[in-house]
Amino acid sequence: MEKTIILGLGNLLYGDEGFGVRLAQHLYAHWDFPPGVSVVDGGTQGQTLLTFVEEADSLLVLDAVDFGLEPGELTLREEVPAYVTAQKVGPHQNSFSEVLGLAALRGTQPRRCALLGVQPAAMTLGAHCSPEVERILPEAVNQALGLLRHWGIEAVRRPEPRHLSAPVLAEL
């Protein structure tokens, strides 16, 4: 069975930096995915995410990324550039681009990889997402589900939201 991983990245304690995790949590809470699809809260785990990357046939990365766009603007890239990296919060945090680079060196990168990113407006310790980023969450959900449909994955809206509970939010 083909394995698809939806991987939310970021730090919830730094405002818009938590966008990827918030979006992953929202998808997990409100949608059911077919077998073989996992929704993962990758947080800022760095190289420990290599396991998820290497087991994925298809990988959808959700993150706050500085592409020099307008604050709150979404971008969907079906090829994840090797140079893409979120702002590091501390000197021990690895960038996700290092994880992708290591998978490429090992020949274990996913067959398909896409990035749904938002241009952060504010990354302040202790802050919630900025109004610009909060406003685009519905569009981010639509874009993520649209890409998954393009990959042949149909999600079904849940009648009631599910509770959030672990770093691996879903192994469906």
N, C-alpha and C. Protein backbone atom coordinates (compact mmCIF):
# COMPACT_ATOMS: atom_id res chain seq x y z
N MET A 1 0.84 -1.18 0.00
CA MET A 1 0.00 0.00 0.00
C MET A 1 0.89 1.25 0.00
N GLU A 2 0.50 2.21 -0.81
CA GLU A 2 1.25 3.46 -0.86
C GLU A 2 1.05 4.25 0.43
N LYS A 3 2.12 4.87 0.91
CA LYS A 3 2.10 5.62 2.18
C LYS A 3 2.21 7.11 1.88
N THR A 4 1.24 7.87 2.39
CA THR A 4 1.25 9.33 2.26
C THR A 4 1.33 9.92 3.66
N ILE A 5 2.23 10.88 3.81
CA ILE A 5 2.38 11.56 5.10
C ILE A 5 2.12 13.05 4.90
N ILE A 6 1.24 13.57 5.74
CA ILE A 6 0.96 15.01 5.82
C ILE A 6 1.71 15.47 7.06
N LEU A 7 2.74 16.28 6.86
CA LEU A 7 3.68 16.62 7.93
C LEU A 7 3.61 18.11 8.26
N GLY A 8 3.08 18.42 9.44
CA GLY A 8 3.01 19.80 9.91
C GLY A 8 4.28 20.16 10.67
N LEU A 9 4.93 21.24 10.26
CA LEU A 9 6.16 21.68 10.91
C LEU A 9 5.97 23.02 11.59
N GLY A 10 6.75 23.27 12.63
CA GLY A 10 6.75 24.58 13.26
C GLY A 10 6.66 24.51 14.77
N ASN A 11 6.73 25.69 15.36
CA ASN A 11 6.72 25.83 16.82
C ASN A 11 5.50 26.66 17.21
N LEU A 12 4.57 26.03 17.91
CA LEU A 12 3.34 26.71 18.31
C LEU A 12 3.58 27.89 19.25
N LEU A 13 4.75 27.95 19.87
CA LEU A 13 5.04 29.03 20.82
C LEU A 13 5.54 30.30 20.14
N TYR A 14 5.72 30.27 18.82
CA TYR A 14 6.26 31.42 18.10
C TYR A 14 5.31 31.94 17.02
N GLY A 15 4.08 32.19 17.37
CA GLY A 15 3.14 32.82 16.44
C GLY A 15 2.96 32.06 15.14
N ASP A 16 3.21 32.75 14.03
CA ASP A 16 3.00 32.17 12.71
C ASP A 16 3.92 30.98 12.43
N GLU A 17 5.00 30.86 13.16
CA GLU A 17 5.90 29.72 13.01
C GLU A 17 5.15 28.41 13.25
N GLY A 18 4.06 28.44 13.99
CA GLY A 18 3.27 27.24 14.27
C GLY A 18 2.22 26.90 13.22
N PHE A 19 2.19 27.63 12.11
CA PHE A 19 1.18 27.42 11.07
C PHE A 19 1.08 25.96 10.62
N GLY A 20 2.20 25.33 10.31
CA GLY A 20 2.18 23.97 9.79
C GLY A 20 1.56 22.98 10.76
N VAL A 21 1.91 23.12 12.04
CA VAL A 21 1.35 22.24 13.06
C VAL A 21 -0.14 22.53 13.23
N ARG A 22 -0.51 23.81 13.26
CA ARG A 22 -1.93 24.15 13.41
C ARG A 22 -2.77 23.60 12.25
N LEU A 23 -2.25 23.70 11.03
CA LEU A 23 -2.96 23.19 9.87
C LEU A 23 -3.07 21.66 9.94
N ALA A 24 -2.00 20.98 10.32
CA ALA A 24 -2.04 19.52 10.47
C ALA A 24 -3.06 19.13 11.53
N GLN A 25 -3.07 19.83 12.63
CA GLN A 25 -4.04 19.54 13.70
C GLN A 25 -5.47 19.72 13.21
N HIS A 26 -5.69 20.79 12.44
CA HIS A 26 -7.04 21.04 11.91
C HIS A 26 -7.46 19.92 10.95
N LEU A 27 -6.57 19.51 10.05
CA LEU A 27 -6.89 18.43 9.12
C LEU A 27 -7.20 17.15 9.88
N TYR A 28 -6.39 16.84 10.87
CA TYR A 28 -6.59 15.62 11.66
C TYR A 28 -7.93 15.66 12.41
N ALA A 29 -8.24 16.81 12.98
CA ALA A 29 -9.45 16.93 13.80
C ALA A 29 -10.73 16.86 12.97
N HIS A 30 -10.70 17.38 11.75
CA HIS A 30 -11.94 17.56 10.99
C HIS A 30 -12.11 16.64 9.78
N TRP A 31 -11.08 15.84 9.45
CA TRP A 31 -11.16 15.02 8.25
C TRP A 31 -10.71 13.59 8.54
N ASP A 32 -11.33 12.64 7.89
CA ASP A 32 -10.89 11.24 7.90
C ASP A 32 -10.20 10.97 6.58
N PHE A 33 -9.07 10.28 6.66
CA PHE A 33 -8.29 9.95 5.48
C PHE A 33 -8.30 8.45 5.26
N PRO A 34 -8.09 8.01 4.03
CA PRO A 34 -8.09 6.57 3.76
C PRO A 34 -6.86 5.88 4.36
N PRO A 35 -6.89 4.55 4.41
CA PRO A 35 -5.73 3.81 4.91
C PRO A 35 -4.47 4.20 4.13
N GLY A 36 -3.35 4.24 4.83
CA GLY A 36 -2.08 4.60 4.22
C GLY A 36 -1.75 6.07 4.32
N VAL A 37 -2.65 6.87 4.89
CA VAL A 37 -2.40 8.30 5.05
C VAL A 37 -2.21 8.61 6.53
N SER A 38 -1.12 9.27 6.86
CA SER A 38 -0.84 9.68 8.24
C SER A 38 -0.73 11.19 8.32
N VAL A 39 -1.28 11.76 9.37
CA VAL A 39 -1.13 13.17 9.66
C VAL A 39 -0.19 13.26 10.86
N VAL A 40 0.92 13.99 10.68
CA VAL A 40 1.97 14.00 11.69
C VAL A 40 2.27 15.42 12.15
N ASP A 41 2.30 15.62 13.46
CA ASP A 41 2.77 16.87 14.06
C ASP A 41 4.27 16.73 14.20
N GLY A 42 5.00 17.31 13.24
CA GLY A 42 6.46 17.21 13.24
C GLY A 42 7.12 18.24 14.12
N GLY A 43 6.36 19.26 14.53
CA GLY A 43 6.92 20.29 15.40
C GLY A 43 8.26 20.80 14.90
N THR A 44 9.25 20.76 15.78
CA THR A 44 10.62 21.18 15.45
C THR A 44 11.58 20.02 15.72
N GLN A 45 11.14 18.82 15.42
CA GLN A 45 11.90 17.63 15.80
C GLN A 45 13.17 17.40 15.00
N GLY A 46 13.40 18.13 13.94
CA GLY A 46 14.66 18.01 13.20
C GLY A 46 14.87 16.64 12.59
N GLN A 47 16.06 16.08 12.80
CA GLN A 47 16.44 14.85 12.12
C GLN A 47 15.60 13.64 12.50
N THR A 48 14.89 13.68 13.59
CA THR A 48 14.02 12.54 13.92
C THR A 48 12.89 12.41 12.90
N LEU A 49 12.65 13.45 12.12
CA LEU A 49 11.62 13.40 11.08
C LEU A 49 12.07 12.59 9.86
N LEU A 50 13.35 12.26 9.80
CA LEU A 50 13.86 11.47 8.67
C LEU A 50 13.10 10.16 8.52
N THR A 51 12.73 9.54 9.62
CA THR A 51 11.96 8.29 9.57
C THR A 51 10.66 8.47 8.80
N PHE A 52 9.94 9.55 9.07
CA PHE A 52 8.68 9.81 8.37
C PHE A 52 8.93 10.08 6.89
N VAL A 53 9.95 10.87 6.60
CA VAL A 53 10.27 11.20 5.21
C VAL A 53 10.61 9.94 4.43
N GLU A 54 11.42 9.08 5.03
CA GLU A 54 11.88 7.88 4.33
C GLU A 54 10.77 6.84 4.13
N GLU A 55 9.76 6.84 4.98
CA GLU A 55 8.68 5.85 4.81
C GLU A 55 7.59 6.34 3.88
N ALA A 56 7.64 7.60 3.49
CA ALA A 56 6.59 8.19 2.64
C ALA A 56 6.85 7.94 1.16
N ASP A 57 5.79 7.53 0.46
CA ASP A 57 5.82 7.54 -0.99
C ASP A 57 5.46 8.94 -1.48
N SER A 58 4.54 9.58 -0.75
CA SER A 58 4.12 10.95 -1.03
C SER A 58 4.18 11.72 0.28
N LEU A 59 4.70 12.94 0.21
CA LEU A 59 4.88 13.76 1.41
C LEU A 59 4.35 15.16 1.14
N LEU A 60 3.41 15.59 1.99
CA LEU A 60 2.90 16.97 1.94
C LEU A 60 3.39 17.67 3.19
N VAL A 61 4.26 18.66 3.01
CA VAL A 61 4.84 19.42 4.11
C VAL A 61 4.05 20.71 4.29
N LEU A 62 3.64 20.98 5.52
CA LEU A 62 2.91 22.20 5.86
C LEU A 62 3.82 23.03 6.76
N ASP A 63 4.08 24.30 6.40
CA ASP A 63 5.05 25.06 7.17
C ASP A 63 4.90 26.56 6.91
N ALA A 64 5.48 27.34 7.80
CA ALA A 64 5.66 28.78 7.58
C ALA A 64 7.02 28.95 6.90
N VAL A 65 7.01 29.59 5.73
CA VAL A 65 8.23 29.69 4.93
C VAL A 65 8.37 31.11 4.42
N ASP A 66 9.56 31.65 4.51
CA ASP A 66 9.81 33.01 4.03
C ASP A 66 10.22 32.97 2.56
N PHE A 67 9.24 33.19 1.68
CA PHE A 67 9.50 33.30 0.25
C PHE A 67 9.47 34.77 -0.18
N GLY A 68 9.42 35.70 0.77
CA GLY A 68 9.39 37.12 0.43
C GLY A 68 8.04 37.56 -0.12
N LEU A 69 6.97 36.86 0.23
CA LEU A 69 5.63 37.20 -0.23
C LEU A 69 4.97 38.16 0.74
N GLU A 70 3.72 38.50 0.47
CA GLU A 70 2.95 39.32 1.40
C GLU A 70 2.61 38.49 2.64
N PRO A 71 2.60 39.08 3.83
CA PRO A 71 2.25 38.33 5.03
C PRO A 71 0.89 37.63 4.88
N GLY A 72 0.87 36.34 5.21
CA GLY A 72 -0.35 35.56 5.11
C GLY A 72 -0.58 34.95 3.74
N GLU A 73 0.29 35.21 2.77
CA GLU A 73 0.11 34.66 1.43
C GLU A 73 0.55 33.19 1.41
N LEU A 74 -0.29 32.35 0.79
CA LEU A 74 0.00 30.93 0.66
C LEU A 74 0.80 30.65 -0.60
N THR A 75 1.61 29.61 -0.55
CA THR A 75 2.29 29.11 -1.73
C THR A 75 2.26 27.60 -1.70
N LEU A 76 1.99 27.01 -2.86
CA LEU A 76 1.99 25.56 -2.99
C LEU A 76 3.04 25.21 -4.02
N ARG A 77 4.03 24.46 -3.59
CA ARG A 77 5.13 24.04 -4.47
C ARG A 77 5.12 22.53 -4.55
N GLU A 78 5.00 22.01 -5.76
CA GLU A 78 4.99 20.55 -5.90
C GLU A 78 6.39 19.98 -6.00
N GLU A 79 7.38 20.85 -5.96
CA GLU A 79 8.76 20.42 -5.79
C GLU A 79 9.29 21.26 -4.64
N VAL A 80 9.82 20.62 -3.63
CA VAL A 80 10.30 21.35 -2.46
C VAL A 80 11.76 21.70 -2.71
N PRO A 81 12.08 22.99 -2.83
CA PRO A 81 13.46 23.39 -3.08
C PRO A 81 14.37 22.99 -1.92
N ALA A 82 15.59 22.59 -2.25
CA ALA A 82 16.53 22.13 -1.23
C ALA A 82 16.90 23.25 -0.25
N TYR A 83 16.78 24.50 -0.66
CA TYR A 83 17.20 25.60 0.19
C TYR A 83 16.12 26.06 1.16
N VAL A 84 14.91 25.53 1.04
CA VAL A 84 13.82 25.99 1.89
C VAL A 84 14.10 25.63 3.34
N THR A 85 13.97 26.61 4.19
CA THR A 85 14.14 26.35 5.62
C THR A 85 13.37 27.37 6.41
N ALA A 86 12.78 26.93 7.49
CA ALA A 86 12.10 27.85 8.39
C ALA A 86 13.15 28.50 9.28
N GLN A 87 12.77 29.57 9.92
CA GLN A 87 13.66 30.23 10.86
C GLN A 87 13.96 29.29 12.01
N LYS A 88 15.23 29.15 12.34
CA LYS A 88 15.60 28.29 13.46
C LYS A 88 15.35 29.05 14.75
N VAL A 89 14.73 28.34 15.70
CA VAL A 89 14.42 28.96 16.98
C VAL A 89 15.63 28.93 17.89
N GLY A 90 16.44 27.91 17.79
CA GLY A 90 17.63 27.79 18.63
C GLY A 90 18.75 27.12 17.87
N PRO A 91 19.96 27.14 18.39
CA PRO A 91 21.11 26.61 17.67
C PRO A 91 21.09 25.09 17.51
N HIS A 92 20.25 24.39 18.27
CA HIS A 92 20.21 22.92 18.18
C HIS A 92 19.12 22.42 17.25
N GLN A 93 18.30 23.32 16.73
CA GLN A 93 17.21 22.93 15.84
C GLN A 93 17.73 22.76 14.42
N ASN A 94 17.52 21.59 13.83
CA ASN A 94 17.89 21.37 12.44
C ASN A 94 16.79 21.90 11.53
N SER A 95 17.18 22.35 10.34
CA SER A 95 16.16 22.77 9.40
C SER A 95 15.63 21.54 8.67
N PHE A 96 14.40 21.63 8.19
CA PHE A 96 13.81 20.50 7.51
C PHE A 96 14.51 20.26 6.18
N SER A 97 15.08 21.30 5.59
CA SER A 97 15.80 21.09 4.32
C SER A 97 16.98 20.15 4.53
N GLU A 98 17.58 20.16 5.73
CA GLU A 98 18.66 19.21 6.03
C GLU A 98 18.14 17.78 6.04
N VAL A 99 16.93 17.59 6.55
CA VAL A 99 16.31 16.26 6.57
C VAL A 99 16.06 15.79 5.13
N LEU A 100 15.49 16.67 4.30
CA LEU A 100 15.25 16.30 2.90
C LEU A 100 16.56 16.01 2.17
N GLY A 101 17.58 16.81 2.46
CA GLY A 101 18.88 16.59 1.84
C GLY A 101 19.48 15.24 2.23
N LEU A 102 19.34 14.87 3.49
CA LEU A 102 19.87 13.59 3.95
C LEU A 102 19.11 12.44 3.28
N ALA A 103 17.79 12.55 3.17
CA ALA A 103 17.00 11.51 2.49
C ALA A 103 17.45 11.38 1.03
N ALA A 104 17.71 12.51 0.37
CA ALA A 104 18.17 12.48 -1.02
C ALA A 104 19.53 11.79 -1.12
N LEU A 105 20.44 12.10 -0.20
CA LEU A 105 21.76 11.46 -0.21
C LEU A 105 21.65 9.95 0.00
N ARG A 106 20.69 9.54 0.80
CA ARG A 106 20.50 8.11 1.09
C ARG A 106 19.66 7.42 0.03
N GLY A 107 19.10 8.20 -0.92
CA GLY A 107 18.26 7.63 -1.96
C GLY A 107 16.91 7.17 -1.44
N THR A 108 16.43 7.81 -0.37
CA THR A 108 15.18 7.37 0.27
C THR A 108 14.12 8.47 0.29
N GLN A 109 14.26 9.48 -0.55
CA GLN A 109 13.29 10.56 -0.58
C GLN A 109 11.98 10.07 -1.17
N PRO A 110 10.87 10.72 -0.79
CA PRO A 110 9.55 10.33 -1.33
C PRO A 110 9.49 10.52 -2.84
N ARG A 111 8.66 9.71 -3.48
CA ARG A 111 8.45 9.83 -4.93
C ARG A 111 7.83 11.18 -5.27
N ARG A 112 6.87 11.62 -4.42
CA ARG A 112 6.23 12.92 -4.58
C ARG A 112 6.41 13.71 -3.29
N CYS A 113 6.71 14.98 -3.46
CA CYS A 113 6.88 15.84 -2.28
C CYS A 113 6.36 17.23 -2.64
N ALA A 114 5.52 17.78 -1.78
CA ALA A 114 4.98 19.12 -2.01
C ALA A 114 5.05 19.91 -0.71
N LEU A 115 5.09 21.21 -0.86
CA LEU A 115 5.13 22.12 0.28
C LEU A 115 3.96 23.08 0.16
N LEU A 116 3.15 23.15 1.21
CA LEU A 116 2.13 24.19 1.33
C LEU A 116 2.62 25.10 2.43
N GLY A 117 3.04 26.29 2.05
CA GLY A 117 3.62 27.22 3.01
C GLY A 117 2.88 28.53 3.07
N VAL A 118 3.05 29.19 4.19
CA VAL A 118 2.49 30.53 4.36
C VAL A 118 3.63 31.48 4.67
N GLN A 119 3.51 32.69 4.14
CA GLN A 119 4.46 33.74 4.47
C GLN A 119 4.11 34.26 5.87
N PRO A 120 5.00 34.08 6.86
CA PRO A 120 4.66 34.54 8.21
C PRO A 120 4.60 36.06 8.29
N ALA A 121 3.73 36.54 9.15
CA ALA A 121 3.63 37.97 9.42
C ALA A 121 4.31 38.30 10.75
N ALA A 122 4.18 37.40 11.73
CA ALA A 122 4.74 37.66 13.07
C ALA A 122 5.17 36.35 13.70
N MET A 123 6.41 36.31 14.14
CA MET A 123 6.92 35.14 14.84
C MET A 123 7.50 35.61 16.16
N THR A 124 6.60 35.81 17.10
CA THR A 124 6.96 36.35 18.41
C THR A 124 6.68 35.30 19.47
N LEU A 125 7.60 35.14 20.39
CA LEU A 125 7.44 34.16 21.47
C LEU A 125 6.15 34.41 22.23
N GLY A 126 5.37 33.36 22.41
CA GLY A 126 4.14 33.43 23.19
C GLY A 126 2.93 33.94 22.43
N ALA A 127 3.11 34.32 21.17
CA ALA A 127 1.99 34.88 20.41
C ALA A 127 1.20 33.79 19.69
N HIS A 128 -0.06 34.09 19.41
CA HIS A 128 -0.88 33.24 18.56
C HIS A 128 -0.58 33.62 17.12
N CYS A 129 -1.17 32.90 16.19
CA CYS A 129 -1.00 33.27 14.78
C CYS A 129 -1.50 34.68 14.54
N SER A 130 -0.86 35.37 13.62
CA SER A 130 -1.27 36.72 13.26
C SER A 130 -2.63 36.67 12.57
N PRO A 131 -3.35 37.80 12.55
CA PRO A 131 -4.64 37.83 11.84
C PRO A 131 -4.50 37.44 10.36
N GLU A 132 -3.38 37.83 9.73
CA GLU A 132 -3.17 37.50 8.32
C GLU A 132 -3.13 35.99 8.10
N VAL A 133 -2.46 35.29 9.01
CA VAL A 133 -2.33 33.84 8.87
C VAL A 133 -3.61 33.13 9.32
N GLU A 134 -4.23 33.61 10.37
CA GLU A 134 -5.52 33.02 10.81
C GLU A 134 -6.55 33.09 9.69
N ARG A 135 -6.56 34.20 8.98
CA ARG A 135 -7.54 34.45 7.92
C ARG A 135 -7.42 33.44 6.77
N ILE A 136 -6.21 32.95 6.49
CA ILE A 136 -6.04 32.08 5.33
C ILE A 136 -6.17 30.59 5.67
N LEU A 137 -6.40 30.25 6.93
CA LEU A 137 -6.51 28.84 7.30
C LEU A 137 -7.54 28.07 6.45
N PRO A 138 -8.76 28.60 6.21
CA PRO A 138 -9.70 27.86 5.36
C PRO A 138 -9.17 27.60 3.95
N GLU A 139 -8.50 28.60 3.39
CA GLU A 139 -7.91 28.43 2.05
C GLU A 139 -6.78 27.40 2.09
N ALA A 140 -5.99 27.39 3.16
CA ALA A 140 -4.91 26.41 3.30
C ALA A 140 -5.49 24.99 3.36
N VAL A 141 -6.59 24.82 4.10
CA VAL A 141 -7.26 23.52 4.16
C VAL A 141 -7.70 23.11 2.76
N ASN A 142 -8.33 24.03 2.03
CA ASN A 142 -8.80 23.73 0.67
C ASN A 142 -7.66 23.35 -0.26
N GLN A 143 -6.54 24.07 -0.16
CA GLN A 143 -5.40 23.77 -1.03
C GLN A 143 -4.79 22.41 -0.68
N ALA A 144 -4.67 22.11 0.62
CA ALA A 144 -4.12 20.82 1.03
C ALA A 144 -5.01 19.68 0.54
N LEU A 145 -6.32 19.81 0.75
CA LEU A 145 -7.25 18.76 0.31
C LEU A 145 -7.28 18.65 -1.21
N GLY A 146 -7.15 19.78 -1.90
CA GLY A 146 -7.11 19.76 -3.36
C GLY A 146 -5.89 19.02 -3.90
N LEU A 147 -4.74 19.27 -3.29
CA LEU A 147 -3.53 18.56 -3.72
C LEU A 147 -3.67 17.06 -3.44
N LEU A 148 -4.19 16.72 -2.27
CA LEU A 148 -4.38 15.31 -1.94
C LEU A 148 -5.34 14.65 -2.94
N ARG A 149 -6.41 15.34 -3.33
CA ARG A 149 -7.33 14.81 -4.35
C ARG A 149 -6.58 14.58 -5.67
N HIS A 150 -5.73 15.53 -6.01
CA HIS A 150 -4.91 15.40 -7.23
C HIS A 150 -4.04 14.14 -7.15
N TRP A 151 -3.61 13.80 -5.95
CA TRP A 151 -2.81 12.59 -5.73
C TRP A 151 -3.68 11.34 -5.61
N GLY A 152 -4.99 11.49 -5.71
CA GLY A 152 -5.89 10.35 -5.63
C GLY A 152 -6.37 10.02 -4.23
N ILE A 153 -6.23 10.97 -3.31
CA ILE A 153 -6.61 10.75 -1.91
C ILE A 153 -7.84 11.60 -1.59
N GLU A 154 -8.93 10.93 -1.24
CA GLU A 154 -10.17 11.63 -0.88
C GLU A 154 -10.34 11.62 0.63
N ALA A 155 -10.42 12.77 1.21
CA ALA A 155 -10.71 12.91 2.64
C ALA A 155 -12.21 13.09 2.81
N VAL A 156 -12.72 12.64 3.95
CA VAL A 156 -14.14 12.75 4.26
C VAL A 156 -14.28 13.60 5.52
N ARG A 157 -15.11 14.63 5.43
CA ARG A 157 -15.33 15.53 6.58
C ARG A 157 -15.96 14.75 7.73
N ARG A 158 -15.44 14.91 8.92
CA ARG A 158 -15.96 14.24 10.12
C ARG A 158 -17.20 14.98 10.62
N PRO A 159 -18.21 14.26 11.11
CA PRO A 159 -19.38 14.94 11.66
C PRO A 159 -19.04 15.69 12.96
N GLU A 160 -18.12 15.16 13.73
CA GLU A 160 -17.65 15.80 14.96
C GLU A 160 -16.13 15.81 14.95
N PRO A 161 -15.49 16.90 15.39
CA PRO A 161 -14.03 16.92 15.41
C PRO A 161 -13.48 15.86 16.36
N ARG A 162 -12.32 15.32 16.00
CA ARG A 162 -11.64 14.37 16.87
C ARG A 162 -10.67 15.14 17.75
N HIS A 163 -10.35 14.57 18.91
CA HIS A 163 -9.43 15.19 19.85
C HIS A 163 -8.00 14.97 19.40
N LEU A 164 -7.16 15.95 19.69
CA LEU A 164 -5.74 15.86 19.36
C LEU A 164 -5.02 15.16 20.49
N SER A 165 -4.04 14.29 20.10
CA SER A 165 -3.43 13.57 21.20
C SER A 165 -1.98 13.16 21.10
N ALA A 166 -1.28 13.17 20.07
CA ALA A 166 0.08 12.63 20.10
C ALA A 166 0.89 13.22 18.96
N PRO A 167 2.24 13.07 19.02
CA PRO A 167 3.06 13.56 17.91
C PRO A 167 2.62 12.97 16.57
N VAL A 168 2.33 11.66 16.54
CA VAL A 168 1.75 11.09 15.33
C VAL A 168 0.25 11.15 15.54
N LEU A 169 -0.38 12.08 14.87
CA LEU A 169 -1.79 12.34 15.12
C LEU A 169 -2.68 11.24 14.54
N ALA A 170 -2.25 10.63 13.46
CA ALA A 170 -3.11 9.62 12.86
C ALA A 170 -2.27 8.61 12.11
N GLU A 171 -2.54 7.38 12.32
CA GLU A 171 -2.01 6.28 11.51
C GLU A 171 -3.23 5.57 10.97
N LEU A 172 -3.73 6.03 9.86
CA LEU A 172 -5.01 5.49 9.34
C LEU A 172 -4.76 4.48 8.25
